[in-house]
Protein backbone atom coordinates (compact mmCIF):
# COMPACT_ATOMS: atom_id res chain seq x y z
CA MET A 1 0.00 0.00 0.00
CA THR A 2 1.46 3.34 -1.02
CA GLN A 3 1.48 6.24 1.37
CA ILE A 4 -0.13 9.41 0.01
CA PRO A 5 2.11 12.37 0.91
CA LYS A 6 0.71 15.29 2.87
CA GLN A 7 0.57 18.71 1.26
CA PRO A 8 2.36 21.55 3.15
CA LYS A 9 -0.93 23.10 4.34
CA THR A 10 -2.08 19.70 5.64
CA LYS A 11 1.22 19.26 7.51
CA GLN A 12 0.77 22.67 9.16
CA PHE A 13 -2.71 21.81 10.41
CA HIS A 14 -1.46 18.42 11.59
CA ARG A 15 1.29 20.06 13.64
CA LEU A 16 -1.20 22.59 15.04
CA ALA A 17 -3.60 19.80 16.05
CA LEU A 18 -0.79 17.82 17.71
CA PHE A 19 0.48 20.93 19.51
CA GLY A 20 -2.97 21.59 20.96
CA TYR A 21 -3.71 17.96 21.78
CA PHE A 22 -0.44 17.12 23.51
CA GLY A 23 -0.39 20.55 25.15
CA LEU A 24 -3.75 19.81 26.78
CA LEU A 25 -2.65 16.28 27.62
CA LEU A 26 0.33 17.66 29.56
CA LEU A 27 -1.31 20.79 30.95
CA MET A 28 -4.42 19.31 32.53
CA PRO A 29 -2.80 16.78 34.91
CA LEU A 30 -0.02 19.22 35.77
CA TRP A 31 -2.50 21.99 36.54
CA LEU A 32 -5.16 19.94 38.30
CA PHE A 33 -2.95 17.58 40.32
CA VAL A 34 0.28 19.51 40.94
CA VAL A 35 -0.16 23.29 40.64
CA SER A 36 -3.71 23.77 41.86
CA PRO A 37 -5.26 20.59 43.27
CA THR A 38 -9.00 20.97 43.78
CA GLU A 39 -10.26 20.28 47.27
CA GLY A 40 -13.53 18.47 47.75
CA TYR A 41 -13.14 16.23 44.68
CA SER A 42 -11.36 12.91 44.54
CA GLU A 43 -8.41 12.45 42.20
CA GLY A 44 -10.38 9.72 40.43
CA PHE A 45 -13.21 12.13 39.68
CA ILE A 46 -10.82 14.79 38.38
CA PHE A 47 -9.08 12.16 36.21
CA ALA A 48 -12.38 10.84 34.83
CA VAL A 49 -13.74 14.29 33.97
CA TYR A 50 -10.67 16.18 32.76
CA ILE A 51 -8.00 13.71 31.64
CA LEU A 52 -9.79 10.54 30.50
CA PRO A 53 -11.67 12.29 27.65
CA LEU A 54 -8.31 13.37 26.22
CA LEU A 55 -7.11 9.78 26.20
CA LEU A 56 -10.01 8.54 24.06
CA PRO A 57 -8.66 9.77 20.70
CA LEU A 58 -4.99 9.02 21.53
CA LYS A 59 -4.70 5.82 19.46
CA GLY A 60 -6.29 7.33 16.35
CA ILE A 61 -4.24 10.50 16.64
CA VAL A 62 -1.01 8.54 16.97
CA GLN A 63 -2.07 6.36 14.00
CA ASP A 64 -2.85 9.56 12.03
CA LYS A 65 -6.49 8.76 11.24
CA PRO A 66 -8.34 11.81 9.84
CA TYR A 67 -11.69 10.59 11.19
CA THR A 68 -10.28 10.60 14.74
CA PHE A 69 -9.10 14.17 14.31
CA ALA A 70 -12.62 15.10 13.20
CA TRP A 71 -14.48 13.60 16.16
CA ALA A 72 -11.83 14.73 18.66
CA ASN A 73 -13.37 18.20 18.25
CA PHE A 74 -16.35 17.01 20.26
CA ILE A 75 -13.98 16.32 23.14
CA VAL A 76 -12.12 19.62 22.93
CA ILE A 77 -15.40 21.45 23.59
CA ILE A 78 -15.12 20.26 27.23
CA TYR A 79 -11.89 22.25 27.57
CA PHE A 80 -13.33 25.35 25.90
CA ILE A 81 -16.23 25.32 28.35
CA HIS A 82 -13.91 24.67 31.30
CA GLY A 83 -11.53 27.45 30.30
CA LEU A 84 -14.24 30.00 29.54
CA THR A 85 -16.03 29.22 32.80
CA LEU A 86 -12.84 29.63 34.82
CA LEU A 87 -12.03 32.81 32.95
CA TRP A 88 -15.23 34.21 34.42
CA ILE A 89 -14.92 32.87 37.98
CA ALA A 90 -11.24 32.16 38.74
CA THR A 91 -9.27 35.22 37.73
CA ASP A 92 -6.37 34.17 39.99
CA GLU A 93 -5.44 31.39 37.55
CA LEU A 94 -5.30 33.44 34.34
CA LEU A 95 -2.02 31.92 33.12
CA TRP A 96 -3.36 28.36 33.31
CA ILE A 97 -6.68 29.37 31.80
CA ALA A 98 -4.93 31.15 28.92
CA LEU A 99 -2.82 28.04 28.27
CA GLU A 100 -5.90 25.81 28.29
CA LEU A 101 -7.78 28.07 25.88
CA THR A 102 -4.72 28.39 23.64
CA PHE A 103 -4.22 24.62 23.44
CA ALA A 104 -7.94 23.97 23.00
CA SER A 105 -8.16 26.54 20.20
CA ALA A 106 -5.08 25.13 18.48
CA MET A 107 -6.44 21.61 18.73
CA PHE A 108 -9.86 22.62 17.44
CA ILE A 109 -8.57 24.55 14.44
CA GLY A 110 -5.85 22.03 13.68
CA CYS A 111 -8.13 19.00 13.94
CA THR A 112 -10.88 20.60 11.88
CA TYR A 113 -8.72 21.58 8.95
CA TYR A 114 -6.38 18.59 9.15
CA ALA A 115 -9.32 16.17 8.93
CA ARG A 116 -10.75 18.13 6.01
CA HIS A 117 -7.54 18.44 3.99
CA ARG A 118 -6.19 14.97 4.74
CA GLY A 119 -9.56 13.43 3.99
CA GLN A 120 -9.55 15.15 0.60
CA GLU A 121 -6.01 13.95 -0.10
CA LEU A 122 -7.00 10.38 0.71
CA GLY A 123 -10.23 10.61 -1.28
CA LEU A 124 -12.42 10.15 1.78
CA LYS A 125 -15.76 11.86 1.88
CA ILE A 126 -18.89 11.76 3.93
CA ARG A 127 -21.88 10.78 1.90
CA LYS A 128 -24.63 13.33 1.75
CA LEU A 129 -28.05 12.48 3.12
CA LYS A 130 -29.48 13.09 -0.34
CA GLU A 131 -27.27 10.28 -1.74
CA ASP A 132 -28.25 7.91 1.06
CA LEU A 133 -31.95 8.57 0.51
CA ALA A 134 -31.63 8.06 -3.25
CA ASP A 135 -29.84 4.72 -2.72
CA GLU A 136 -32.46 3.64 -0.19
CA LYS A 137 -35.31 4.60 -2.53
CA ALA A 138 -33.71 2.70 -5.45
CA ALA A 139 -33.22 -0.40 -3.29
CA HIS A 140 -36.83 -0.22 -2.10
CA GLU A 141 -38.17 0.16 -5.63
CA GLN A 142 -36.02 -2.74 -6.80
CA SER A 143 -37.30 -4.98 -3.99
CA GLU A 144 -40.91 -4.06 -4.90
CA ASP A 145 -40.20 -4.97 -8.56
CA ASN A 146 -38.76 -8.32 -7.48
CA ILE A 147 -41.90 -9.09 -5.45
CA LYS A 148 -44.19 -8.43 -8.44
């Protein structure tokens, strides 16, 4: 199987996505367990809510799967919400909040455009609902013709 080379723009978005992803992966445990441990919550809870979601796309990101980069954007929304909420209520941690929002933004932009460009390079596309409905209608009409 031949490897399809990445275009320069695709490489840039890939690096941006990896910067944001691994930045969050390093920042969150460092911030939440070392720098500013939260009292009143167990370490298991903090791990499950803030670190475990980042581990879900790890395999696909390491294997360079464009589809993983696309759905990883659903996960990065958690960190946008967390950062924006803390920006409002915890002004004493502005450095950490700025880092979280920077990494989350980089990951979101990088993943979005990397998945798009790499998918185009590989010839992957998401079928449109219109195409699915047309195929379903044709199959249904064919099965009705076979019954008659």
